[in-house]
Amino acid sequence: MRTTAGSSSEASTTEREPLLSRDAEDNRSDASKNYASVDVHAVPLLEDHEDEENVNLGHHVPEHRRQLGPFSAASLIFNRVIGTGIFATSSVILRSSGSVGLSLIMWLLGATVALCGTAVYIELGTGLPRNGGEKNYLEYIYRQPKLLVTCIYAMYAVLTGWQAASCSVFGEYALHAWNPSQLPSPTATRLAGVLCITVALVLHGTMLKAGVRIQNALGFLKLLILIGIAFSGLASLLRLPGFRLDNPPNNFEWGTMWQGSLQGGANAFVTGLFTVIWCFIGYSNANYALAEVRDPVRTIKRAAPLAMLCITLVYLLVNVAYLAVVDKEEIVGSGRIVAALHFGKLWGVGAERAVSVIVALSTLGNILAVLFTHGRVVQELGREGVLPFSSIFASNKPFNAPFAGLFEQWLVTSGLVLLVPPGDAYLFMLNLSSYPLAIINTFVSGGLVFIHLPDVWLPKRLQELRASYGWRPPFAAWTAVVVFFLLSNVFLISVPLIPPSHGYKVYEHLPYWLHVLVAWSISLGGVVYWYVWCVWLPRRGGYTLVREWVRDDDGTTRRVVRKVKVT
């Protein structure tokens, strides 16, 4: 990608930002330098009619790149949130809580955290409406040392298989639809999951518009499915014709509703709460692609809360529906096919098979949505020169889509699906995506709390630092909401370190703390990568790194990192 060189005499020139403490002089002999195989030119950021603040916040995106309207933005959220969780995790949550009543409370807690998170990310998205999501917010808040937080986030973006748990569930449901009377083998389940994400890679990597249309259609379909499940459960409770059971469960009798509460201890409860929160993960999904959304500020302020409120209501009704039809012990022992059992109880094996097909399609929609957004996060990291082989990750060639970023996500996800031991695969992959997000959300919300605090609570030095942000988003969440979101994430990253109660095992073959160790190891890997790239190699090579704003040939502004020789 190339830009048009500009004159240094113009009033507004490229923003140049040294990334080490020492000043660097630009000794270039011409107007361009080469960094990571991408030609970078110094260009004026502003035309006569442009606003400098808009460019710096990433508003300047050519209209032809804004292909997503309000429905597509809401679909990104629907497809990300409504994936495998509500169909596949009710048994895990009920086992972790120990009782029907406590499991419903856990769903309410998860919904509260998700709605607070939605408000936090609407504020951040309206303040910084560009592609990248948390990467942008962390960089904006944690500015020193330069690029440290970017490198840590890049490790999470690249090494976490965000779709791995969904692929595992897709394999189970697809094969259950093929033969409801036989449990699929672990190998067949894994291969089916890899096939699913391969289809998603082909769609989003080579047929962008077709992939978005299929993604939107699946989002609408899964909402209809959940409404159908919710109404079928309510009809069964009311004993309407066609929904009446001969031996209905007694899950809602007060005497049995609370039996077994917290039998697994605090660790089991938090593991279940992680699972609930994972079911709501996706409220920030549209934030990853805001540069491709038409009128992003107005759209995200409307699409995100509407989508999340609808999802919360439907989730609660669906859980009531499951419990109205299937006995508690059957749900706990069902693994991840509780939705199929629900319809099987009402209408027999034929209905069970049909529901398995529908849920598999719903899971495909989730995988499509996650791959669509996280492939663009990897591309954004490539566009800024943060990753090795950045020119490859930054490119949209040859299909006008970030194929390299999508392929990287496919590779990591497929590896996790194929390598994690059977029995522990689903829960480990689920926790491995939930725990890093809790870490990221802790730092994002913690920074936003700092920006929200009244001046009287801060010493003068911190008041000056906070004033330097100049944070004036079109939407501001209540400070109490941001604080609650922060505390909930601190809780989620702390309690998994507590050993589980005697007789309860988080995993069958793996230590209970493994996902915590892996997540923090990724953070440490980001610190090591930053030190080598930004400190050790520049000192050894006699250069410094400088970050600049540039304009691509399609009119899009972005920042890149380049080397400047020190004399």
Protein backbone atom coordinates (compact mmCIF):
# COMPACT_ATOMS: atom_id res chain seq x y z
CA MET A 1 0.00 0.00 0.00
CA ARG A 2 1.40 3.34 -1.01
CA THR A 3 0.60 6.95 -0.24
CA THR A 4 1.19 10.23 -1.98
CA ALA A 5 4.18 12.16 -0.72
CA GLY A 6 3.50 15.62 0.65
CA SER A 7 5.50 18.77 1.24
CA SER A 8 6.99 19.49 4.65
CA SER A 9 6.07 23.15 4.30
CA GLU A 10 2.37 22.51 4.60
CA ALA A 11 0.63 23.62 7.79
CA SER A 12 -0.35 20.12 8.86
CA THR A 13 2.11 17.34 8.31
CA THR A 14 2.38 13.77 9.30
CA GLU A 15 2.23 13.21 13.06
CA ARG A 16 5.62 11.80 14.07
CA GLU A 17 5.87 10.01 17.39
CA PRO A 18 9.17 8.58 18.73
CA LEU A 19 8.53 5.26 20.51
CA LEU A 20 11.60 5.33 22.76
CA SER A 21 12.47 8.00 25.28
CA ARG A 22 15.33 9.43 23.25
CA ASP A 23 14.69 11.77 20.36
CA ALA A 24 15.32 10.50 16.88
CA GLU A 25 16.33 12.55 13.94
CA ASP A 26 14.94 11.60 10.54
CA ASN A 27 17.95 11.21 8.25
CA ARG A 28 16.08 9.94 5.25
CA SER A 29 17.61 10.86 1.94
CA ASP A 30 14.24 10.82 0.20
CA ALA A 31 10.57 11.06 1.03
CA SER A 32 10.03 7.36 1.66
CA LYS A 33 11.47 4.61 3.79
CA ASN A 34 10.81 0.90 3.81
CA TYR A 35 9.42 -0.79 6.91
CA ALA A 36 8.24 -4.42 6.99
CA SER A 37 8.11 -4.50 3.19
CA VAL A 38 5.61 -1.59 3.12
CA ASP A 39 6.63 1.72 1.58
CA VAL A 40 5.80 4.49 4.05
CA HIS A 41 5.70 8.11 2.95
CA ALA A 42 5.45 11.29 4.97
CA VAL A 43 2.13 12.84 3.91
CA PRO A 44 -0.04 15.73 5.05
CA LEU A 45 -2.84 14.28 7.12
CA LEU A 46 -5.33 17.05 6.49
CA GLU A 47 -6.94 18.46 3.45
CA ASP A 48 -8.37 21.97 3.62
CA HIS A 49 -11.85 20.68 4.52
CA GLU A 50 -10.80 18.13 7.15
CA ASP A 51 -10.84 18.28 10.93
CA GLU A 52 -7.59 17.26 12.65
CA GLU A 53 -9.41 15.69 15.61
CA ASN A 54 -11.51 13.53 13.32
CA VAL A 55 -8.42 12.19 11.57
CA ASN A 56 -6.63 11.43 14.83
CA LEU A 57 -9.65 9.55 16.20
CA GLY A 58 -9.94 7.54 13.03
CA HIS A 59 -13.11 9.10 11.60
CA HIS A 60 -11.56 9.61 8.19
CA VAL A 61 -12.59 6.51 6.30
CA PRO A 62 -13.69 6.56 2.64
CA GLU A 63 -17.42 6.00 2.28
CA HIS A 64 -16.92 3.09 -0.11
CA ARG A 65 -15.36 1.14 2.78
CA ARG A 66 -18.44 1.61 4.97
CA GLN A 67 -20.46 -1.37 3.80
CA LEU A 68 -22.23 -2.30 7.08
CA GLY A 69 -25.56 -0.75 8.01
CA PRO A 70 -27.50 -0.93 11.32
CA PHE A 71 -28.84 -4.43 10.59
CA SER A 72 -25.38 -5.77 9.77
CA ALA A 73 -23.93 -4.15 12.92
CA ALA A 74 -26.67 -5.71 15.05
CA SER A 75 -26.11 -9.00 13.22
CA LEU A 76 -22.43 -8.94 14.18
CA ILE A 77 -23.53 -8.74 17.81
CA PHE A 78 -26.34 -11.30 17.47
CA ASN A 79 -24.13 -13.80 15.69
CA ARG A 80 -21.27 -13.37 18.14
CA VAL A 81 -23.39 -13.58 21.29
CA ILE A 82 -25.90 -16.18 20.14
CA GLY A 83 -23.55 -18.91 19.09
CA THR A 84 -23.07 -22.14 20.97
CA GLY A 85 -23.51 -20.92 24.53
CA ILE A 86 -27.25 -20.91 25.03
CA PHE A 87 -27.62 -24.21 23.18
CA ALA A 88 -24.64 -26.01 24.66
CA THR A 89 -23.66 -24.68 28.10
CA SER A 90 -26.79 -24.96 30.24
CA SER A 91 -25.60 -28.36 31.47
CA VAL A 92 -22.15 -26.96 32.41
CA ILE A 93 -23.72 -24.02 34.25
CA LEU A 94 -26.23 -26.20 36.10
CA ARG A 95 -23.46 -28.60 37.16
CA SER A 96 -21.27 -25.71 38.34
CA SER A 97 -24.05 -24.05 40.35
CA GLY A 98 -25.45 -27.29 41.75
CA SER A 99 -29.09 -26.19 41.68
CA VAL A 100 -31.77 -24.85 39.35
CA GLY A 101 -32.33 -21.66 41.36
CA LEU A 102 -28.67 -20.72 41.58
CA SER A 103 -28.15 -21.41 37.88
CA LEU A 104 -30.88 -18.87 37.02
CA ILE A 105 -29.25 -16.33 39.35
CA MET A 106 -25.97 -16.92 37.54
CA TRP A 107 -27.67 -16.15 34.23
CA LEU A 108 -28.99 -12.88 35.71
CA LEU A 109 -25.51 -11.97 36.99
CA GLY A 110 -23.99 -12.69 33.60
CA ALA A 111 -26.63 -10.55 31.90
CA THR A 112 -25.92 -7.66 34.30
CA VAL A 113 -22.18 -7.82 33.61
CA ALA A 114 -22.85 -7.98 29.86
CA LEU A 115 -25.19 -4.96 29.89
CA CYS A 116 -22.64 -2.94 31.87
CA GLY A 117 -19.96 -4.04 29.41
CA THR A 118 -22.19 -2.95 26.55
CA ALA A 119 -22.42 0.57 28.00
CA VAL A 120 -18.63 0.70 28.49
CA TYR A 121 -17.92 -0.35 24.92
CA ILE A 122 -20.54 2.01 23.46
CA GLU A 123 -18.71 4.88 25.16
CA LEU A 124 -15.35 3.68 23.85
CA GLY A 125 -16.71 2.93 20.38
CA THR A 126 -18.32 6.35 19.98
CA GLY A 127 -15.15 8.03 21.23
CA LEU A 128 -12.81 6.04 18.96
CA PRO A 129 -14.91 4.80 16.02
CA ARG A 130 -12.37 2.79 14.07
CA ASN A 131 -11.43 -0.85 13.49
CA GLY A 132 -9.53 -2.71 16.18
CA GLY A 133 -11.73 -2.72 19.29
CA GLU A 134 -9.84 -3.09 22.58
CA LYS A 135 -6.50 -2.50 20.86
CA ASN A 136 -7.46 1.14 20.22
CA TYR A 137 -8.81 1.69 23.72
CA LEU A 138 -5.79 0.20 25.47
CA GLU A 139 -3.41 2.24 23.31
CA TYR A 140 -5.39 5.42 24.00
CA ILE A 141 -5.37 4.93 27.78
CA TYR A 142 -1.98 3.28 28.44
CA ARG A 143 0.43 5.45 26.47
CA GLN A 144 3.72 4.62 28.21
CA PRO A 145 5.84 2.66 27.53
CA LYS A 146 5.00 3.13 23.88
CA LEU A 147 3.67 0.03 22.12
CA LEU A 148 3.90 -2.20 25.24
CA VAL A 149 0.15 -2.63 25.57
CA THR A 150 -0.11 -3.04 21.79
CA CYS A 151 2.34 -5.94 21.83
CA ILE A 152 0.56 -7.65 24.73
CA TYR A 153 -2.80 -7.30 23.01
CA ALA A 154 -1.30 -8.54 19.76
CA MET A 155 -0.27 -11.76 21.50
CA TYR A 156 -3.85 -12.33 22.63
CA ALA A 157 -5.27 -11.46 19.23
CA VAL A 158 -2.93 -13.82 17.42
CA LEU A 159 -2.58 -16.76 19.83
CA THR A 160 -6.07 -17.13 21.32
CA GLY A 161 -8.35 -19.43 19.34
CA TRP A 162 -11.53 -17.42 19.86
CA GLN A 163 -13.68 -19.80 17.77
CA ALA A 164 -12.27 -23.10 19.05
CA ALA A 165 -15.06 -23.87 21.54
CA SER A 166 -17.70 -23.06 18.92
CA CYS A 167 -16.03 -25.38 16.42
CA SER A 168 -16.13 -28.18 18.97
CA VAL A 169 -19.86 -27.70 19.54
CA PHE A 170 -20.55 -27.47 15.81
CA GLY A 171 -18.92 -30.87 15.35
CA GLU A 172 -21.02 -32.44 18.10
CA TYR A 173 -24.33 -31.02 16.86
CA ALA A 174 -23.65 -31.70 13.19
CA LEU A 175 -22.76 -35.34 13.89
CA HIS A 176 -25.64 -35.70 16.35
CA ALA A 177 -27.96 -34.58 13.53
CA TRP A 178 -26.40 -37.20 11.29
CA ASN A 179 -27.02 -40.01 13.81
CA PRO A 180 -28.96 -39.03 16.99
CA SER A 181 -28.73 -42.54 18.43
CA GLN A 182 -24.92 -42.63 18.60
CA LEU A 183 -22.45 -40.32 20.33
CA PRO A 184 -19.86 -39.06 17.83
CA SER A 185 -16.22 -39.98 18.35
CA PRO A 186 -13.83 -37.20 19.49
CA THR A 187 -11.86 -37.47 16.24
CA ALA A 188 -14.95 -37.09 14.05
CA THR A 189 -16.14 -34.15 16.16
CA ARG A 190 -12.81 -32.36 15.75
CA LEU A 191 -12.63 -32.90 12.01
CA ALA A 192 -16.19 -31.60 11.59
CA GLY A 193 -15.26 -28.49 13.60
CA VAL A 194 -12.19 -27.84 11.45
CA LEU A 195 -14.32 -28.27 8.32
CA CYS A 196 -16.75 -25.65 9.65
CA ILE A 197 -14.12 -22.96 10.22
CA THR A 198 -12.59 -23.82 6.84
CA VAL A 199 -15.93 -23.01 5.18
CA ALA A 200 -16.01 -19.72 7.13
CA LEU A 201 -12.46 -18.90 5.95
CA VAL A 202 -13.41 -19.49 2.30
CA LEU A 203 -16.56 -17.36 2.59
CA HIS A 204 -15.04 -14.36 4.36
CA GLY A 205 -11.64 -14.65 2.70
CA THR A 206 -12.75 -14.96 -0.93
CA MET A 207 -16.45 -13.97 -1.13
CA LEU A 208 -16.89 -11.02 1.25
CA LYS A 209 -20.42 -9.91 0.29
CA ALA A 210 -21.75 -13.47 0.13
CA GLY A 211 -20.22 -14.22 3.54
CA VAL A 212 -21.87 -11.13 5.10
CA ARG A 213 -25.26 -12.03 3.61
CA ILE A 214 -25.05 -15.61 4.91
CA GLN A 215 -23.90 -14.29 8.29
CA ASN A 216 -26.88 -11.90 8.50
CA ALA A 217 -29.35 -14.60 7.47
CA LEU A 218 -28.01 -16.99 10.11
CA GLY A 219 -28.28 -14.26 12.76
CA PHE A 220 -31.97 -13.79 11.97
CA LEU A 221 -32.53 -17.56 11.88
CA LYS A 222 -31.00 -18.20 15.30
CA LEU A 223 -33.13 -15.48 16.88
CA LEU A 224 -36.24 -17.16 15.50
CA ILE A 225 -35.01 -20.52 16.84
CA LEU A 226 -34.54 -19.16 20.36
CA ILE A 227 -37.96 -17.53 20.34
CA GLY A 228 -39.42 -20.86 19.25
CA ILE A 229 -37.65 -22.72 22.09
CA ALA A 230 -38.80 -20.12 24.63
CA PHE A 231 -42.45 -20.32 23.57
CA SER A 232 -42.40 -24.13 23.46
CA GLY A 233 -41.20 -24.22 27.07
CA LEU A 234 -43.84 -21.77 28.22
CA ALA A 235 -46.47 -23.78 26.35
CA SER A 236 -45.29 -26.92 28.16
CA LEU A 237 -45.57 -25.19 31.53
CA LEU A 238 -49.11 -24.16 30.63
CA ARG A 239 -49.77 -27.76 29.41
CA LEU A 240 -51.14 -26.61 26.06
CA PRO A 241 -52.12 -29.31 23.52
CA GLY A 242 -49.10 -30.58 21.60
CA PHE A 243 -46.72 -29.46 24.36
CA ARG A 244 -48.06 -31.52 27.28
CA LEU A 245 -45.65 -34.00 28.91
CA ASP A 246 -46.77 -37.19 30.61
CA ASN A 247 -44.16 -36.87 33.36
CA PRO A 248 -43.09 -33.23 33.55
CA PRO A 249 -39.99 -32.45 35.66
CA ASN A 250 -40.32 -30.77 39.04
CA ASN A 251 -37.42 -28.37 38.55
CA PHE A 252 -39.42 -25.33 39.70
CA GLU A 253 -40.78 -26.77 42.94
CA TRP A 254 -39.36 -24.66 45.75
CA GLY A 255 -38.31 -27.68 47.77
CA THR A 256 -36.04 -29.02 45.00
CA MET A 257 -35.12 -25.78 43.22
CA TRP A 258 -32.20 -24.98 45.56
CA GLN A 259 -30.95 -28.47 46.31
CA GLY A 260 -27.20 -28.85 45.71
CA SER A 261 -26.36 -25.13 45.63
CA LEU A 262 -22.60 -24.44 45.67
CA GLN A 263 -21.73 -28.10 46.15
CA GLY A 264 -18.63 -27.57 43.99
CA GLY A 265 -17.39 -24.57 46.01
CA ALA A 266 -16.29 -21.09 44.89
CA ASN A 267 -14.11 -22.31 42.03
CA ALA A 268 -16.99 -24.29 40.51
CA PHE A 269 -19.29 -21.29 40.88
CA VAL A 270 -16.85 -18.96 39.11
CA THR A 271 -16.22 -21.56 36.40
CA GLY A 272 -19.97 -21.59 35.80
CA LEU A 273 -20.09 -17.79 35.90
CA PHE A 274 -17.30 -17.70 33.32
CA THR A 275 -19.43 -19.96 31.15
CA VAL A 276 -22.46 -17.67 31.54
CA ILE A 277 -20.42 -14.59 30.70
CA TRP A 278 -18.95 -16.39 27.71
CA CYS A 279 -22.54 -16.90 26.50
CA PHE A 280 -22.92 -13.09 26.49
CA ILE A 281 -19.51 -12.31 24.99
CA GLY A 282 -19.95 -10.35 21.80
CA TYR A 283 -21.46 -7.08 23.01
CA SER A 284 -18.29 -5.41 21.72
CA ASN A 285 -18.16 -7.32 18.44
CA ALA A 286 -19.28 -4.42 16.24
CA ASN A 287 -16.49 -2.29 17.78
CA TYR A 288 -13.90 -4.34 15.89
CA ALA A 289 -15.28 -3.18 12.52
CA LEU A 290 -16.58 0.36 13.18
CA ALA A 291 -14.53 1.77 10.31
CA GLU A 292 -16.74 -0.29 7.99
CA VAL A 293 -20.05 0.81 9.57
CA ARG A 294 -22.08 3.64 8.07
CA ASP A 295 -22.59 6.49 10.59
CA PRO A 296 -20.79 4.43 13.25
CA VAL A 297 -21.53 6.61 16.29
CA ARG A 298 -25.29 6.71 15.73
CA THR A 299 -25.40 3.05 14.70
CA ILE A 300 -23.50 1.63 17.69
CA LYS A 301 -25.52 3.71 20.17
CA ARG A 302 -28.71 2.07 18.89
CA ALA A 303 -27.72 -1.36 17.63
CA ALA A 304 -25.69 -2.56 20.64
CA PRO A 305 -28.18 -1.92 23.49
CA LEU A 306 -31.16 -3.10 21.44
CA ALA A 307 -29.38 -6.32 20.48
CA MET A 308 -28.21 -7.05 24.04
CA LEU A 309 -31.58 -6.37 25.69
CA CYS A 310 -33.31 -8.70 23.23
CA ILE A 311 -30.66 -11.38 23.79
CA THR A 312 -30.94 -11.12 27.59
CA LEU A 313 -34.71 -11.58 27.55
CA VAL A 314 -34.55 -14.49 25.13
CA TYR A 315 -31.75 -16.22 27.07
CA LEU A 316 -33.70 -16.18 30.33
CA LEU A 317 -36.85 -17.51 28.64
CA VAL A 318 -34.91 -20.27 26.89
CA ASN A 319 -33.40 -21.48 30.18
CA VAL A 320 -36.84 -21.58 31.73
CA ALA A 321 -37.99 -23.56 28.69
CA TYR A 322 -35.21 -26.14 29.09
CA LEU A 323 -36.02 -26.62 32.77
CA ALA A 324 -39.73 -26.85 32.05
CA VAL A 325 -39.22 -29.87 29.77
CA VAL A 326 -36.00 -31.69 30.79
CA ASP A 327 -35.24 -32.98 34.27
CA LYS A 328 -32.26 -31.46 36.10
CA GLU A 329 -30.29 -34.72 36.22
CA GLU A 330 -30.79 -35.28 32.49
CA ILE A 331 -29.56 -31.77 31.71
CA VAL A 332 -26.43 -32.26 33.84
CA GLY A 333 -25.69 -35.55 32.08
CA SER A 334 -26.58 -34.39 28.60
CA GLY A 335 -23.21 -32.85 27.78
CA ARG A 336 -23.83 -30.19 25.15
CA ILE A 337 -27.02 -31.40 23.47
CA VAL A 338 -29.61 -30.03 25.91
CA ALA A 339 -31.44 -28.09 23.18
CA ALA A 340 -31.85 -31.27 21.16
CA LEU A 341 -33.08 -33.12 24.26
CA HIS A 342 -35.65 -30.37 24.82
CA PHE A 343 -37.29 -30.92 21.44
CA GLY A 344 -36.78 -34.67 21.64
CA LYS A 345 -38.81 -34.74 24.85
CA LEU A 346 -41.62 -32.79 23.24
CA TRP A 347 -41.79 -34.31 19.76
CA GLY A 348 -39.46 -37.31 19.54
CA VAL A 349 -36.17 -38.20 17.85
CA GLY A 350 -37.14 -36.64 14.52
CA ALA A 351 -37.50 -33.22 16.13
CA GLU A 352 -34.24 -33.79 18.00
CA ARG A 353 -32.41 -34.31 14.73
CA ALA A 354 -33.98 -31.20 13.18
CA VAL A 355 -32.95 -29.07 16.13
CA SER A 356 -29.39 -30.39 15.93
CA VAL A 357 -29.23 -29.20 12.31
CA ILE A 358 -30.55 -25.78 13.28
CA VAL A 359 -28.14 -25.40 16.18
CA ALA A 360 -25.22 -26.43 13.98
CA LEU A 361 -26.22 -23.68 11.54
CA SER A 362 -26.48 -21.21 14.41
CA THR A 363 -22.98 -22.16 15.51
CA LEU A 364 -21.74 -21.62 11.97
CA GLY A 365 -23.16 -18.09 12.16
CA ASN A 366 -21.21 -17.47 15.36
CA ILE A 367 -17.99 -18.75 13.81
CA LEU A 368 -18.54 -16.53 10.77
CA ALA A 369 -19.07 -13.44 12.94
CA VAL A 370 -16.03 -14.06 15.14
CA LEU A 371 -13.75 -14.83 12.21
CA PHE A 372 -15.00 -11.72 10.34
CA THR A 373 -14.11 -9.35 13.21
CA HIS A 374 -10.96 -10.94 14.62
CA GLY A 375 -9.45 -11.34 11.18
CA ARG A 376 -9.73 -7.55 10.93
CA VAL A 377 -8.06 -7.08 14.31
CA VAL A 378 -5.07 -9.06 13.03
CA GLN A 379 -5.13 -6.98 9.84
CA GLU A 380 -5.14 -3.75 11.86
CA LEU A 381 -2.10 -4.94 13.80
CA GLY A 382 -0.43 -5.68 10.48
CA ARG A 383 -1.38 -2.28 9.08
CA GLU A 384 0.41 -0.61 11.98
CA GLY A 385 3.57 -2.68 11.56
CA VAL A 386 3.21 -4.45 14.91
CA LEU A 387 3.35 -8.03 13.58
CA PRO A 388 6.15 -9.77 11.69
CA PHE A 389 5.42 -9.92 7.94
CA SER A 390 3.16 -6.90 8.42
CA SER A 391 2.76 -6.21 4.71
CA ILE A 392 1.15 -9.63 4.28
CA PHE A 393 -1.28 -9.19 7.18
CA ALA A 394 -2.11 -5.62 6.12
CA SER A 395 -3.08 -6.56 2.59
CA ASN A 396 -6.61 -6.97 1.20
CA LYS A 397 -5.31 -8.75 -1.89
CA PRO A 398 -6.36 -10.66 -3.89
CA PHE A 399 -10.05 -10.88 -2.84
CA ASN A 400 -10.56 -7.43 -1.25
CA ALA A 401 -10.63 -9.13 2.18
CA PRO A 402 -8.06 -9.59 5.00
CA PHE A 403 -7.31 -13.16 3.99
CA ALA A 404 -3.97 -13.37 5.86
CA GLY A 405 -5.56 -12.30 9.15
CA LEU A 406 -8.45 -14.69 8.62
CA PHE A 407 -6.04 -17.52 7.79
CA GLU A 408 -4.01 -16.88 10.94
CA GLN A 409 -7.17 -17.18 13.04
CA TRP A 410 -8.11 -20.36 11.16
CA LEU A 411 -4.67 -21.86 11.81
CA VAL A 412 -4.63 -21.23 15.58
CA THR A 413 -8.25 -22.31 16.05
CA SER A 414 -7.79 -25.51 14.05
CA GLY A 415 -4.67 -26.34 16.04
CA LEU A 416 -6.51 -25.97 19.35
CA VAL A 417 -9.48 -28.02 18.14
CA LEU A 418 -7.20 -30.86 17.04
CA LEU A 419 -4.70 -30.86 19.94
CA VAL A 420 -6.63 -30.32 23.21
CA PRO A 421 -7.36 -33.69 24.92
CA PRO A 422 -10.86 -35.19 24.51
CA GLY A 423 -13.16 -34.63 27.47
CA ASP A 424 -11.52 -31.32 28.39
CA ALA A 425 -11.47 -29.76 24.94
CA TYR A 426 -14.70 -27.74 25.10
CA LEU A 427 -14.39 -26.29 28.61
CA PHE A 428 -10.66 -25.55 28.27
CA MET A 429 -11.14 -23.73 24.96
CA LEU A 430 -14.09 -21.84 26.41
CA ASN A 431 -12.09 -20.74 29.47
CA LEU A 432 -9.07 -19.93 27.31
CA SER A 433 -11.18 -17.39 25.40
CA SER A 434 -13.10 -16.06 28.45
CA TYR A 435 -10.18 -15.53 30.84
CA PRO A 436 -8.04 -13.37 28.49
CA LEU A 437 -11.11 -11.25 27.77
CA ALA A 438 -11.58 -10.75 31.51
CA ILE A 439 -7.97 -9.56 31.75
CA ILE A 440 -8.42 -7.18 28.81
CA ASN A 441 -11.75 -5.89 30.15
CA THR A 442 -10.13 -5.25 33.54
CA PHE A 443 -7.52 -2.94 32.03
CA VAL A 444 -9.97 -1.28 29.64
CA SER A 445 -12.56 -0.55 32.33
CA GLY A 446 -9.87 0.38 34.86
CA GLY A 447 -8.54 3.03 32.50
CA LEU A 448 -12.04 4.32 31.85
CA VAL A 449 -12.70 4.55 35.61
CA PHE A 450 -9.58 6.73 35.88
CA ILE A 451 -10.91 9.02 33.15
CA HIS A 452 -14.32 9.20 34.89
CA LEU A 453 -13.06 9.98 38.40
CA PRO A 454 -13.81 13.49 39.76
CA ASP A 455 -10.84 15.84 40.08
CA VAL A 456 -11.18 15.98 43.88
CA TRP A 457 -10.26 12.26 44.03
CA LEU A 458 -7.00 12.74 42.13
CA PRO A 459 -3.73 14.50 42.98
CA LYS A 460 -2.80 17.40 40.73
CA ARG A 461 -0.31 15.35 38.68
CA LEU A 462 -2.97 12.78 37.83
CA GLN A 463 -5.48 15.54 37.11
CA GLU A 464 -3.09 16.88 34.47
CA LEU A 465 -2.59 13.40 33.03
CA ARG A 466 -6.32 12.80 32.84
CA ALA A 467 -6.88 16.23 31.24
CA SER A 468 -4.36 15.32 28.53
CA TYR A 469 -6.75 12.67 27.20
CA GLY A 470 -9.33 15.27 26.16
CA TRP A 471 -11.97 12.53 26.36
CA ARG A 472 -15.33 13.83 25.07
CA PRO A 473 -17.25 10.88 23.59
CA PRO A 474 -20.76 11.34 22.16
CA PHE A 475 -21.99 8.79 24.72
CA ALA A 476 -20.78 8.43 28.31
CA ALA A 477 -21.65 5.46 30.53
CA TRP A 478 -22.50 6.10 34.18
CA THR A 479 -19.42 5.91 36.37
CA ALA A 480 -21.12 3.38 38.66
CA VAL A 481 -21.67 1.10 35.66
CA VAL A 482 -18.00 1.31 34.67
CA VAL A 483 -16.89 0.60 38.26
CA PHE A 484 -19.21 -2.44 38.48
CA PHE A 485 -17.85 -3.78 35.19
CA LEU A 486 -14.29 -3.31 36.49
CA LEU A 487 -15.01 -5.09 39.80
CA SER A 488 -16.78 -7.97 38.07
CA ASN A 489 -13.74 -8.59 35.87
CA VAL A 490 -11.30 -8.34 38.79
CA PHE A 491 -13.42 -11.00 40.49
CA LEU A 492 -13.35 -13.18 37.39
CA ILE A 493 -9.57 -13.11 37.03
CA SER A 494 -8.92 -13.70 40.75
CA VAL A 495 -11.24 -16.49 41.91
CA PRO A 496 -10.16 -19.18 39.39
CA LEU A 497 -6.90 -19.35 41.36
CA ILE A 498 -8.81 -20.85 44.32
CA PRO A 499 -8.58 -24.67 44.32
CA PRO A 500 -11.90 -26.45 43.68
CA SER A 501 -13.72 -28.22 46.49
CA HIS A 502 -12.94 -31.86 47.24
CA GLY A 503 -14.69 -34.14 44.77
CA TYR A 504 -15.16 -31.45 42.10
CA LYS A 505 -12.89 -31.29 39.07
CA VAL A 506 -12.83 -28.40 36.63
CA TYR A 507 -11.17 -30.61 33.99
CA GLU A 508 -10.94 -34.36 33.64
CA HIS A 509 -7.27 -34.56 32.65
CA LEU A 510 -5.89 -31.02 33.03
CA PRO A 511 -5.02 -28.96 36.15
CA TYR A 512 -7.75 -26.47 37.13
CA TRP A 513 -5.36 -23.51 36.78
CA LEU A 514 -4.07 -24.30 33.27
CA HIS A 515 -6.18 -21.72 31.40
CA VAL A 516 -5.05 -19.06 33.90
CA LEU A 517 -1.39 -19.96 33.38
CA VAL A 518 -1.75 -19.94 29.59
CA ALA A 519 -3.49 -16.55 29.60
CA TRP A 520 -0.86 -14.84 31.77
CA SER A 521 1.91 -16.54 29.81
CA ILE A 522 0.53 -14.91 26.67
CA SER A 523 0.77 -11.54 28.46
CA LEU A 524 4.37 -12.27 29.42
CA GLY A 525 5.09 -13.26 25.83
CA GLY A 526 3.80 -9.84 24.74
CA VAL A 527 6.18 -8.12 27.17
CA VAL A 528 9.12 -10.16 25.85
CA TYR A 529 8.15 -9.41 22.25
CA TRP A 530 7.93 -5.68 23.05
CA TYR A 531 11.34 -5.64 24.73
CA VAL A 532 13.05 -7.45 21.86
CA TRP A 533 11.35 -5.42 19.10
CA CYS A 534 11.22 -1.96 20.69
CA VAL A 535 14.26 -1.93 23.00
CA TRP A 536 16.89 -4.63 22.40
CA LEU A 537 16.95 -4.74 18.59
CA PRO A 538 16.95 -0.91 18.18
CA ARG A 539 19.87 -0.58 20.63
CA ARG A 540 21.76 -3.36 18.89
CA GLY A 541 21.01 -2.02 15.41
CA GLY A 542 21.58 1.66 16.14
CA TYR A 543 18.10 2.83 15.22
CA THR A 544 14.93 3.97 16.92
CA LEU A 545 11.28 3.31 16.09
CA VAL A 546 9.00 6.14 15.05
CA ARG A 547 5.24 6.00 14.65
CA GLU A 548 3.61 8.10 11.95
CA TRP A 549 0.19 8.78 10.58
CA VAL A 550 -0.02 8.04 6.85
CA ARG A 551 -2.76 8.04 4.26
CA ASP A 552 -3.20 5.00 2.01
CA ASP A 553 -4.06 5.26 -1.66
CA ASP A 554 -7.74 4.51 -0.85
CA GLY A 555 -7.90 7.60 1.40
CA THR A 556 -7.77 5.74 4.72
CA THR A 557 -5.53 7.14 7.46
CA ARG A 558 -3.54 4.79 9.67
CA ARG A 559 -0.43 4.69 11.85
CA VAL A 560 2.70 2.79 10.95
CA VAL A 561 5.95 2.07 12.77
CA ARG A 562 9.23 2.52 10.95
CA LYS A 563 12.95 2.43 11.71
CA VAL A 564 15.01 5.63 11.82
CA LYS A 565 18.80 5.35 11.92
CA VAL A 566 20.40 7.18 14.84
CA THR A 567 23.53 9.19 13.99
